[in-house]
Amino acid sequence: MPFKLTEEFKAKAAHICARYPRRDAALLPLLDELQKERGFVAEEAMDELAAYLELPYARVKAAVTFYTMYNRAPVGKYHLQVCRNISCHMAGAPGLLARLKEKLGVEEGGTTKDGLFTLSSVECLGACGSAPVMQVNDEYFENLTAEKLDALLDEMRHGRLKNRRT
């Protein structure tokens, strides 16, 4: 079944677009809304949004592929994004990423078989002063250590960490 923007989405979109001098300026907030609905922004959704905003598909696709905050495929309940920029790298991010790969049994970009975790590395989370940093869904976890990481994984496994899509 082809993807179609829902009437509910179109009502939200009209409200969002009204805040901007031009409809195309609402591209990123509308991509956020699409992702909130399904957890990712599918190709068909990009095409529909481009038509809705009267933009070339390439412009929407460029935004989705440029920003790491947009998922182009389904992700786990918890999307773990480890910063790999220089500050985090120097503060131990490679070791944390290796630990996550080992504990979760997945490579970067992979999702655990139970659908609980997706592991990614991202270029920069903009929290260099509190490196190393990992973003879980919409929340930052800073000054991470192996012990803090293990405790955080335990919280997620036992459902004690808020999930942005529930």
C-alpha atoms as a PDB file:
ATOM      1  CA  MET A   1       0.000   0.000   0.000  1.00  0.00           C
ATOM      2  CA  PRO A   2       1.532   3.346  -1.004  1.00  0.00           C
ATOM      3  CA  PHE A   3       2.324   5.895   1.680  1.00  0.00           C
ATOM      4  CA  LYS A   4      -0.044   8.847   2.003  1.00  0.00           C
ATOM      5  CA  LEU A   5       0.140  11.760   4.420  1.00  0.00           C
ATOM      6  CA  THR A   6      -2.672  11.401   6.948  1.00  0.00           C
ATOM      7  CA  GLU A   7      -5.266  14.103   7.466  1.00  0.00           C
ATOM      8  CA  GLU A   8      -3.968  14.437  11.029  1.00  0.00           C
ATOM      9  CA  PHE A   9      -0.453  15.040   9.693  1.00  0.00           C
ATOM     10  CA  LYS A  10      -1.743  17.580   7.158  1.00  0.00           C
ATOM     11  CA  ALA A  11      -3.551  19.481   9.944  1.00  0.00           C
ATOM     12  CA  LYS A  12      -0.332  19.578  12.025  1.00  0.00           C
ATOM     13  CA  ALA A  13       1.638  20.543   8.924  1.00  0.00           C
ATOM     14  CA  ALA A  14      -0.678  23.457   8.147  1.00  0.00           C
ATOM     15  CA  HIS A  15      -0.254  24.730  11.699  1.00  0.00           C
ATOM     16  CA  ILE A  16       3.542  24.383  11.486  1.00  0.00           C
ATOM     17  CA  CYS A  17       3.747  25.998   8.039  1.00  0.00           C
ATOM     18  CA  ALA A  18       1.736  28.988   9.319  1.00  0.00           C
ATOM     19  CA  ARG A  19       4.640  29.854  11.647  1.00  0.00           C
ATOM     20  CA  TYR A  20       7.003  30.475   8.737  1.00  0.00           C
ATOM     21  CA  PRO A  21       7.091  33.156   6.034  1.00  0.00           C
ATOM     22  CA  ARG A  22       7.391  30.413   3.357  1.00  0.00           C
ATOM     23  CA  ARG A  23       6.090  26.844   3.402  1.00  0.00           C
ATOM     24  CA  ASP A  24       9.457  25.362   2.457  1.00  0.00           C
ATOM     25  CA  ALA A  25      10.959  26.773   5.674  1.00  0.00           C
ATOM     26  CA  ALA A  26       8.917  24.178   7.568  1.00  0.00           C
ATOM     27  CA  LEU A  27      10.804  21.270   5.984  1.00  0.00           C
ATOM     28  CA  LEU A  28      12.801  20.203   9.057  1.00  0.00           C
ATOM     29  CA  PRO A  29       9.934  20.500  11.565  1.00  0.00           C
ATOM     30  CA  LEU A  30       7.730  18.486   9.204  1.00  0.00           C
ATOM     31  CA  LEU A  31      10.401  15.814   8.852  1.00  0.00           C
ATOM     32  CA  ASP A  32      10.433  15.676  12.660  1.00  0.00           C
ATOM     33  CA  GLU A  33       6.676  15.083  12.619  1.00  0.00           C
ATOM     34  CA  LEU A  34       6.969  12.334  10.009  1.00  0.00           C
ATOM     35  CA  GLN A  35       9.621  10.612  12.092  1.00  0.00           C
ATOM     36  CA  LYS A  36       7.509  10.880  15.257  1.00  0.00           C
ATOM     37  CA  GLU A  37       4.691   9.045  13.489  1.00  0.00           C
ATOM     38  CA  ARG A  38       6.678   6.005  12.337  1.00  0.00           C
ATOM     39  CA  GLY A  39      10.107   6.223  13.924  1.00  0.00           C
ATOM     40  CA  PHE A  40      11.768   6.818  10.552  1.00  0.00           C
ATOM     41  CA  VAL A  41      11.306   8.764   7.319  1.00  0.00           C
ATOM     42  CA  ALA A  42      10.613   6.386   4.439  1.00  0.00           C
ATOM     43  CA  GLU A  43      11.349   7.187   0.797  1.00  0.00           C
ATOM     44  CA  GLU A  44       7.625   7.353   0.055  1.00  0.00           C
ATOM     45  CA  ALA A  45       7.124   9.800   2.923  1.00  0.00           C
ATOM     46  CA  MET A  46       9.861  12.047   1.515  1.00  0.00           C
ATOM     47  CA  ASP A  47       8.134  11.998  -1.850  1.00  0.00           C
ATOM     48  CA  GLU A  48       4.751  12.855  -0.319  1.00  0.00           C
ATOM     49  CA  LEU A  49       6.247  15.648   1.784  1.00  0.00           C
ATOM     50  CA  ALA A  50       8.003  17.103  -1.254  1.00  0.00           C
ATOM     51  CA  ALA A  51       4.678  17.218  -3.106  1.00  0.00           C
ATOM     52  CA  TYR A  52       2.911  18.713  -0.071  1.00  0.00           C
ATOM     53  CA  LEU A  53       5.523  21.485   0.253  1.00  0.00           C
ATOM     54  CA  GLU A  54       5.826  21.883  -3.532  1.00  0.00           C
ATOM     55  CA  LEU A  55       9.548  21.180  -3.343  1.00  0.00           C
ATOM     56  CA  PRO A  56      11.772  19.002  -5.489  1.00  0.00           C
ATOM     57  CA  TYR A  57      12.123  15.511  -4.002  1.00  0.00           C
ATOM     58  CA  ALA A  58      15.914  15.994  -4.082  1.00  0.00           C
ATOM     59  CA  ARG A  59      15.686  18.844  -1.571  1.00  0.00           C
ATOM     60  CA  VAL A  60      13.771  16.720   0.927  1.00  0.00           C
ATOM     61  CA  LYS A  61      16.068  13.742   0.372  1.00  0.00           C
ATOM     62  CA  ALA A  62      19.116  16.005   0.830  1.00  0.00           C
ATOM     63  CA  ALA A  63      17.848  17.142   4.242  1.00  0.00           C
ATOM     64  CA  VAL A  64      17.089  13.591   5.384  1.00  0.00           C
ATOM     65  CA  THR A  65      20.452  12.251   4.282  1.00  0.00           C
ATOM     66  CA  PHE A  66      22.454  15.207   5.613  1.00  0.00           C
ATOM     67  CA  TYR A  67      21.094  15.261   9.172  1.00  0.00           C
ATOM     68  CA  THR A  68      21.838  12.213  11.307  1.00  0.00           C
ATOM     69  CA  MET A  69      18.725  12.826  13.402  1.00  0.00           C
ATOM     70  CA  TYR A  70      16.549  11.389  10.624  1.00  0.00           C
ATOM     71  CA  ASN A  71      16.322   7.627  10.371  1.00  0.00           C
ATOM     72  CA  ARG A  72      15.749   6.259   6.891  1.00  0.00           C
ATOM     73  CA  ALA A  73      14.819   2.795   8.101  1.00  0.00           C
ATOM     74  CA  PRO A  74      13.119   1.437  11.211  1.00  0.00           C
ATOM     75  CA  VAL A  75      15.255   1.519  14.345  1.00  0.00           C
ATOM     76  CA  GLY A  76      15.018  -0.265  17.674  1.00  0.00           C
ATOM     77  CA  LYS A  77      13.060   0.989  20.639  1.00  0.00           C
ATOM     78  CA  TYR A  78      16.300   2.593  21.812  1.00  0.00           C
ATOM     79  CA  HIS A  79      18.465   4.234  19.167  1.00  0.00           C
ATOM     80  CA  LEU A  80      21.976   4.538  20.606  1.00  0.00           C
ATOM     81  CA  GLN A  81      24.045   7.173  18.806  1.00  0.00           C
ATOM     82  CA  VAL A  82      27.654   7.438  19.950  1.00  0.00           C
ATOM     83  CA  CYS A  83      29.492  10.655  19.078  1.00  0.00           C
ATOM     84  CA  ARG A  84      32.711   9.969  17.170  1.00  0.00           C
ATOM     85  CA  ASN A  85      34.034  13.532  16.844  1.00  0.00           C
ATOM     86  CA  ILE A  86      37.471  14.480  18.157  1.00  0.00           C
ATOM     87  CA  SER A  87      36.514  15.444  21.733  1.00  0.00           C
ATOM     88  CA  CYS A  88      34.527  12.260  22.270  1.00  0.00           C
ATOM     89  CA  HIS A  89      37.160  10.205  20.484  1.00  0.00           C
ATOM     90  CA  MET A  90      39.897  11.529  22.766  1.00  0.00           C
ATOM     91  CA  ALA A  91      37.709  10.961  25.848  1.00  0.00           C
ATOM     92  CA  GLY A  92      37.130   7.276  25.100  1.00  0.00           C
ATOM     93  CA  ALA A  93      34.217   6.967  22.663  1.00  0.00           C
ATOM     94  CA  PRO A  94      35.919   4.232  20.575  1.00  0.00           C
ATOM     95  CA  GLY A  95      36.102   2.017  23.662  1.00  0.00           C
ATOM     96  CA  LEU A  96      32.455   2.689  24.510  1.00  0.00           C
ATOM     97  CA  LEU A  97      31.405   1.918  20.946  1.00  0.00           C
ATOM     98  CA  ALA A  98      33.378  -1.346  21.029  1.00  0.00           C
ATOM     99  CA  ARG A  99      31.764  -2.217  24.360  1.00  0.00           C
ATOM    100  CA  LEU A 100      28.303  -1.605  22.931  1.00  0.00           C
ATOM    101  CA  LYS A 101      29.050  -3.742  19.864  1.00  0.00           C
ATOM    102  CA  GLU A 102      30.182  -6.578  22.103  1.00  0.00           C
ATOM    103  CA  LYS A 103      27.346  -6.327  24.641  1.00  0.00           C
ATOM    104  CA  LEU A 104      24.616  -5.929  22.030  1.00  0.00           C
ATOM    105  CA  GLY A 105      26.068  -8.302  19.449  1.00  0.00           C
ATOM    106  CA  VAL A 106      25.586  -5.852  16.572  1.00  0.00           C
ATOM    107  CA  GLU A 107      27.755  -3.724  14.338  1.00  0.00           C
ATOM    108  CA  GLU A 108      27.192  -0.015  13.669  1.00  0.00           C
ATOM    109  CA  GLY A 109      23.881   0.444  11.906  1.00  0.00           C
ATOM    110  CA  GLY A 110      22.595  -2.860  13.254  1.00  0.00           C
ATOM    111  CA  THR A 111      19.550  -3.608  15.355  1.00  0.00           C
ATOM    112  CA  THR A 112      19.417  -6.339  17.983  1.00  0.00           C
ATOM    113  CA  LYS A 113      17.287  -9.371  17.130  1.00  0.00           C
ATOM    114  CA  ASP A 114      14.761  -8.425  19.808  1.00  0.00           C
ATOM    115  CA  GLY A 115      14.319  -4.963  18.229  1.00  0.00           C
ATOM    116  CA  LEU A 116      15.321  -3.243  21.451  1.00  0.00           C
ATOM    117  CA  PHE A 117      18.536  -1.495  20.340  1.00  0.00           C
ATOM    118  CA  THR A 118      19.926   0.091  17.196  1.00  0.00           C
ATOM    119  CA  LEU A 119      23.571   1.179  17.342  1.00  0.00           C
ATOM    120  CA  SER A 120      24.968   4.088  15.336  1.00  0.00           C
ATOM    121  CA  SER A 121      27.923   6.413  15.474  1.00  0.00           C
ATOM    122  CA  VAL A 122      27.417  10.046  14.527  1.00  0.00           C
ATOM    123  CA  GLU A 123      29.782  12.826  13.593  1.00  0.00           C
ATOM    124  CA  CYS A 124      29.008  15.279  16.403  1.00  0.00           C
ATOM    125  CA  LEU A 125      26.397  15.709  19.104  1.00  0.00           C
ATOM    126  CA  GLY A 126      27.608  19.188  20.055  1.00  0.00           C
ATOM    127  CA  ALA A 127      28.397  18.373  23.685  1.00  0.00           C
ATOM    128  CA  CYS A 128      32.189  18.418  23.494  1.00  0.00           C
ATOM    129  CA  GLY A 129      32.637  19.753  27.020  1.00  0.00           C
ATOM    130  CA  SER A 130      31.049  16.639  28.499  1.00  0.00           C
ATOM    131  CA  ALA A 131      32.595  13.976  26.275  1.00  0.00           C
ATOM    132  CA  PRO A 132      32.164  11.139  25.647  1.00  0.00           C
ATOM    133  CA  VAL A 133      28.493  11.523  24.770  1.00  0.00           C
ATOM    134  CA  MET A 134      25.785   9.192  23.556  1.00  0.00           C
ATOM    135  CA  GLN A 135      22.283  10.127  22.484  1.00  0.00           C
ATOM    136  CA  VAL A 136      19.526   7.622  23.245  1.00  0.00           C
ATOM    137  CA  ASN A 137      16.456   8.560  21.233  1.00  0.00           C
ATOM    138  CA  ASP A 138      16.136  12.261  22.136  1.00  0.00           C
ATOM    139  CA  GLU A 139      18.129  12.239  25.391  1.00  0.00           C
ATOM    140  CA  TYR A 140      21.858  12.897  25.895  1.00  0.00           C
ATOM    141  CA  PHE A 141      24.057  10.903  28.277  1.00  0.00           C
ATOM    142  CA  GLU A 142      27.310  12.695  28.967  1.00  0.00           C
ATOM    143  CA  ASN A 143      30.654  12.006  30.646  1.00  0.00           C
ATOM    144  CA  LEU A 144      30.112   8.322  29.952  1.00  0.00           C
ATOM    145  CA  THR A 145      32.241   5.605  31.430  1.00  0.00           C
ATOM    146  CA  ALA A 146      32.028   1.845  30.948  1.00  0.00           C
ATOM    147  CA  GLU A 147      30.214   1.577  34.287  1.00  0.00           C
ATOM    148  CA  LYS A 148      27.681   4.293  33.413  1.00  0.00           C
ATOM    149  CA  LEU A 149      27.120   2.667  30.032  1.00  0.00           C
ATOM    150  CA  ASP A 150      26.452  -0.737  31.607  1.00  0.00           C
ATOM    151  CA  ALA A 151      23.989   0.790  34.084  1.00  0.00           C
ATOM    152  CA  LEU A 152      22.220   2.637  31.276  1.00  0.00           C
ATOM    153  CA  LEU A 153      21.873  -0.541  29.208  1.00  0.00           C
ATOM    154  CA  ASP A 154      20.424  -2.287  32.258  1.00  0.00           C
ATOM    155  CA  GLU A 155      17.854   0.521  32.686  1.00  0.00           C
ATOM    156  CA  MET A 156      16.816   0.243  29.051  1.00  0.00           C
ATOM    157  CA  ARG A 157      16.590  -3.551  29.148  1.00  0.00           C
ATOM    158  CA  HIS A 158      14.279  -3.324  32.145  1.00  0.00           C
ATOM    159  CA  GLY A 159      12.114  -0.574  30.659  1.00  0.00           C
ATOM    160  CA  ARG A 160      13.121   2.086  33.148  1.00  0.00           C
ATOM    161  CA  LEU A 161      14.248   4.611  30.532  1.00  0.00           C
ATOM    162  CA  LYS A 162      11.612   6.787  28.872  1.00  0.00           C
ATOM    163  CA  ASN A 163      10.992   5.941  25.225  1.00  0.00           C
ATOM    164  CA  ARG A 164      10.187   8.834  22.913  1.00  0.00           C
ATOM    165  CA  ARG A 165       7.815   6.758  20.758  1.00  0.00           C
ATOM    166  CA  THR A 166       5.525   5.413  23.465  1.00  0.00           C
END
